[in-house]
């Protein structure tokens, strides 16, 4: 799956981009009709430790899912957000199965 990653207010290193790509690729095992996914990495200028925002938008036929998490690190935010996306995709797949 092609993941479009945009980093706001900083430059993301290749290790972080590879980590996000690997985690997002796992979503294909739960729902194989994913059209595209966009990931936005943002850093807020606050004194708070949890100033990193991970936002993911996954497009599937007829719908799109958006998850936004604010954590201490992008890796932690990615893990939590992608776990949430897994649940949403499984739920959608079950709903589609029940209609047919």
Protein backbone atom coordinates (compact mmCIF):
# COMPACT_ATOMS: atom_id res chain seq x y z
CA UNK A 1 0.00 0.00 0.00
CA UNK A 2 1.25 3.48 -0.84
CA UNK A 3 1.41 5.73 2.21
CA UNK A 4 1.69 9.49 1.62
CA UNK A 5 3.53 10.91 4.62
CA UNK A 6 3.76 14.63 5.33
CA UNK A 7 5.70 16.09 8.24
CA UNK A 8 4.76 19.55 9.47
CA UNK A 9 7.23 21.83 11.32
CA UNK A 10 10.10 19.29 11.11
CA UNK A 11 11.88 16.85 8.76
CA UNK A 12 11.10 13.18 9.38
CA UNK A 13 14.04 10.80 9.15
CA UNK A 14 13.93 7.70 6.95
CA UNK A 15 13.80 5.33 9.94
CA UNK A 16 10.52 6.88 11.12
CA UNK A 17 9.05 6.80 7.59
CA UNK A 18 9.99 3.11 7.19
CA UNK A 19 8.43 2.31 10.58
CA UNK A 20 5.16 4.01 9.59
CA UNK A 21 5.14 2.30 6.17
CA UNK A 22 5.66 -1.12 7.79
CA UNK A 23 2.87 -0.58 10.33
CA UNK A 24 0.43 0.77 7.72
CA UNK A 25 1.14 -2.20 5.43
CA UNK A 26 -0.26 -4.48 8.14
CA UNK A 27 -3.69 -2.88 7.62
CA UNK A 28 -3.91 -4.74 4.28
CA UNK A 29 -4.26 -8.01 6.20
CA UNK A 30 -7.45 -6.76 7.85
CA UNK A 31 -9.06 -5.04 4.85
CA UNK A 32 -7.70 -5.55 1.34
CA UNK A 33 -9.72 -2.85 -0.46
CA UNK A 34 -7.79 0.15 0.90
CA UNK A 35 -7.43 2.77 -1.85
CA UNK A 36 -4.87 5.09 -0.26
CA UNK A 37 -3.62 6.35 3.05
CA UNK A 38 -2.30 9.73 4.13
CA UNK A 39 -0.25 10.27 7.28
CA UNK A 40 0.39 13.69 8.82
CA UNK A 41 3.10 14.13 11.44
CA UNK A 42 2.93 17.39 13.36
CA UNK A 43 4.96 18.90 16.19
CA UNK A 44 3.28 21.52 18.35
CA UNK A 45 5.38 24.29 19.88
CA UNK A 46 4.34 23.75 23.47
CA UNK A 47 6.19 22.94 26.68
CA UNK A 48 4.03 19.82 27.09
CA UNK A 49 5.88 16.52 26.58
CA UNK A 50 3.04 15.11 24.50
CA UNK A 51 3.53 17.55 21.63
CA UNK A 52 3.68 15.08 18.72
CA UNK A 53 0.51 14.53 16.71
CA UNK A 54 0.05 11.48 14.47
CA UNK A 55 -2.92 11.73 12.11
CA UNK A 56 -3.84 9.02 9.61
CA UNK A 57 -6.53 9.08 6.94
CA UNK A 58 -7.35 5.77 5.22
CA UNK A 59 -9.62 5.77 2.17
CA UNK A 60 -11.71 2.72 1.34
CA UNK A 61 -14.47 2.44 -1.28
CA UNK A 62 -17.40 4.56 -0.09
CA UNK A 63 -15.81 5.77 3.14
CA UNK A 64 -12.68 7.07 4.83
CA UNK A 65 -11.37 6.68 8.36
CA UNK A 66 -9.48 9.39 10.22
CA UNK A 67 -7.55 8.79 13.44
CA UNK A 68 -5.66 11.49 15.33
CA UNK A 69 -3.45 10.75 18.35
CA UNK A 70 -1.24 13.02 20.45
CA UNK A 71 1.66 11.29 22.22
CA UNK A 72 5.24 11.69 23.43
CA UNK A 73 6.70 10.03 20.31
CA UNK A 74 5.53 9.40 16.77
CA UNK A 75 6.14 5.66 17.15
CA UNK A 76 3.78 5.49 20.14
CA UNK A 77 1.17 7.57 18.31
CA UNK A 78 1.47 5.36 15.22
CA UNK A 79 0.98 2.17 17.26
CA UNK A 80 -2.13 3.50 19.00
CA UNK A 81 -3.65 5.06 15.86
CA UNK A 82 -3.04 2.02 13.68
CA UNK A 83 -4.55 -0.28 16.32
CA UNK A 84 -7.63 1.95 16.24
CA UNK A 85 -7.72 1.78 12.44
CA UNK A 86 -7.48 -2.03 12.61
CA UNK A 87 -10.60 -2.14 14.80
CA UNK A 88 -12.48 0.21 12.47
CA UNK A 89 -11.53 -1.78 9.36
CA UNK A 90 -12.49 -5.11 10.98
CA UNK A 91 -15.84 -3.60 12.00
CA UNK A 92 -16.49 -2.37 8.45
CA UNK A 93 -15.56 -5.75 6.98
CA UNK A 94 -17.95 -7.54 9.35
CA UNK A 95 -20.72 -5.08 8.47
CA UNK A 96 -20.19 -5.67 4.74
CA UNK A 97 -20.17 -9.43 5.31
CA UNK A 98 -23.48 -9.32 7.13
CA UNK A 99 -25.15 -7.53 4.21
CA UNK A 100 -24.16 -10.16 1.63
